[in-house]
C-alpha atoms as a PDB file:
ATOM      1  CA  UNK A   1     146.941  74.024 177.447  1.00  0.00           C
ATOM      2  CA  UNK A   2     147.807  76.407 174.354  1.00  0.00           C
ATOM      3  CA  UNK A   3     150.750  74.481 173.440  1.00  0.00           C
ATOM      4  CA  UNK A   4     148.949  71.043 173.377  1.00  0.00           C
ATOM      5  CA  UNK A   5     146.337  72.251 171.229  1.00  0.00           C
ATOM      6  CA  UNK A   6     149.394  73.428 168.833  1.00  0.00           C
ATOM      7  CA  UNK A   7     150.460  69.972 168.707  1.00  0.00           C
ATOM      8  CA  UNK A   8     147.592  68.530 168.180  1.00  0.00           C
ATOM      9  CA  UNK A   9     147.055  70.457 165.399  1.00  0.00           C
ATOM     10  CA  UNK A  10     150.514  69.979 163.962  1.00  0.00           C
ATOM     11  CA  UNK A  11     149.955  65.908 164.025  1.00  0.00           C
ATOM     12  CA  UNK A  12     146.586  65.947 162.124  1.00  0.00           C
ATOM     13  CA  UNK A  13     148.220  68.304 159.509  1.00  0.00           C
ATOM     14  CA  UNK A  14     151.045  66.165 159.673  1.00  0.00           C
ATOM     15  CA  UNK A  15     148.430  63.019 158.813  1.00  0.00           C
ATOM     16  CA  UNK A  16     146.481  65.225 156.160  1.00  0.00           C
ATOM     17  CA  UNK A  17     150.076  65.438 154.248  1.00  0.00           C
ATOM     18  CA  UNK A  18     151.028  61.786 154.561  1.00  0.00           C
ATOM     19  CA  UNK A  19     147.413  60.864 153.021  1.00  0.00           C
ATOM     20  CA  UNK A  20     147.661  63.712 150.030  1.00  0.00           C
ATOM     21  CA  UNK A  21     151.055  62.168 149.340  1.00  0.00           C
ATOM     22  CA  UNK A  22     149.666  58.250 149.591  1.00  0.00           C
ATOM     23  CA  UNK A  23     146.675  59.107 146.932  1.00  0.00           C
ATOM     24  CA  UNK A  24     149.106  60.641 144.862  1.00  0.00           C
ATOM     25  CA  UNK A  25     152.538  58.848 144.704  1.00  0.00           C
ATOM     26  CA  UNK A  26     152.169  54.710 146.244  1.00  0.00           C
ATOM     27  CA  UNK A  27     155.586  54.714 147.216  1.00  0.00           C
ATOM     28  CA  UNK A  28     157.223  53.791 150.536  1.00  0.00           C
ATOM     29  CA  UNK A  29     160.269  55.815 149.723  1.00  0.00           C
ATOM     30  CA  UNK A  30     158.161  58.944 148.961  1.00  0.00           C
ATOM     31  CA  UNK A  31     155.927  58.397 151.991  1.00  0.00           C
ATOM     32  CA  UNK A  32     159.066  58.352 154.285  1.00  0.00           C
ATOM     33  CA  UNK A  33     160.452  61.799 152.605  1.00  0.00           C
ATOM     34  CA  UNK A  34     157.030  63.084 153.113  1.00  0.00           C
ATOM     35  CA  UNK A  35     157.206  62.379 156.852  1.00  0.00           C
ATOM     36  CA  UNK A  36     159.940  63.908 157.459  1.00  0.00           C
ATOM     37  CA  UNK A  37     159.346  67.555 155.518  1.00  0.00           C
ATOM     38  CA  UNK A  38     155.734  67.047 155.291  1.00  0.00           C
ATOM     39  CA  UNK A  39     155.389  71.164 155.743  1.00  0.00           C
ATOM     40  CA  UNK A  40     157.261  71.353 152.828  1.00  0.00           C
ATOM     41  CA  UNK A  41     155.386  68.999 150.728  1.00  0.00           C
ATOM     42  CA  UNK A  42     152.057  70.656 152.539  1.00  0.00           C
ATOM     43  CA  UNK A  43     152.449  74.075 151.094  1.00  0.00           C
ATOM     44  CA  UNK A  44     153.988  72.793 147.437  1.00  0.00           C
ATOM     45  CA  UNK A  45     150.656  70.484 147.546  1.00  0.00           C
ATOM     46  CA  UNK A  46     148.775  73.847 147.635  1.00  0.00           C
ATOM     47  CA  UNK A  47     150.864  76.360 145.358  1.00  0.00           C
ATOM     48  CA  UNK A  48     151.084  73.650 142.587  1.00  0.00           C
ATOM     49  CA  UNK A  49     147.482  73.253 142.759  1.00  0.00           C
ATOM     50  CA  UNK A  50     147.496  69.390 144.015  1.00  0.00           C
ATOM     51  CA  UNK A  51     144.420  70.549 146.359  1.00  0.00           C
ATOM     52  CA  UNK A  52     142.039  72.026 144.213  1.00  0.00           C
ATOM     53  CA  UNK A  53     138.710  71.629 142.416  1.00  0.00           C
ATOM     54  CA  UNK A  54     137.507  70.047 145.878  1.00  0.00           C
ATOM     55  CA  UNK A  55     140.569  67.248 146.408  1.00  0.00           C
ATOM     56  CA  UNK A  56     141.305  69.005 149.726  1.00  0.00           C
ATOM     57  CA  UNK A  57     137.990  67.054 150.593  1.00  0.00           C
ATOM     58  CA  UNK A  58     138.201  64.196 148.539  1.00  0.00           C
ATOM     59  CA  UNK A  59     141.157  62.906 149.151  1.00  0.00           C
ATOM     60  CA  UNK A  60     140.674  62.047 153.191  1.00  0.00           C
ATOM     61  CA  UNK A  61     136.765  60.756 151.725  1.00  0.00           C
ATOM     62  CA  UNK A  62     138.254  58.323 149.495  1.00  0.00           C
ATOM     63  CA  UNK A  63     140.504  56.462 152.991  1.00  0.00           C
ATOM     64  CA  UNK A  64     137.314  55.780 154.667  1.00  0.00           C
ATOM     65  CA  UNK A  65     134.737  54.576 151.838  1.00  0.00           C
END
């Protein structure tokens, strides 16, 4: 059961990274690269401030409005 919970979290974080990438880049090539290396991309966005000032919340909301 514990392995299943972590795989769902891994999937959700991967989808979140793809949403962030598409919000900033709008490029299919960058989206494919992010799909392959999404953990590195997510850490990069966290360290460079791409998700600061409420952007971590605004980006997913922008897809559902």
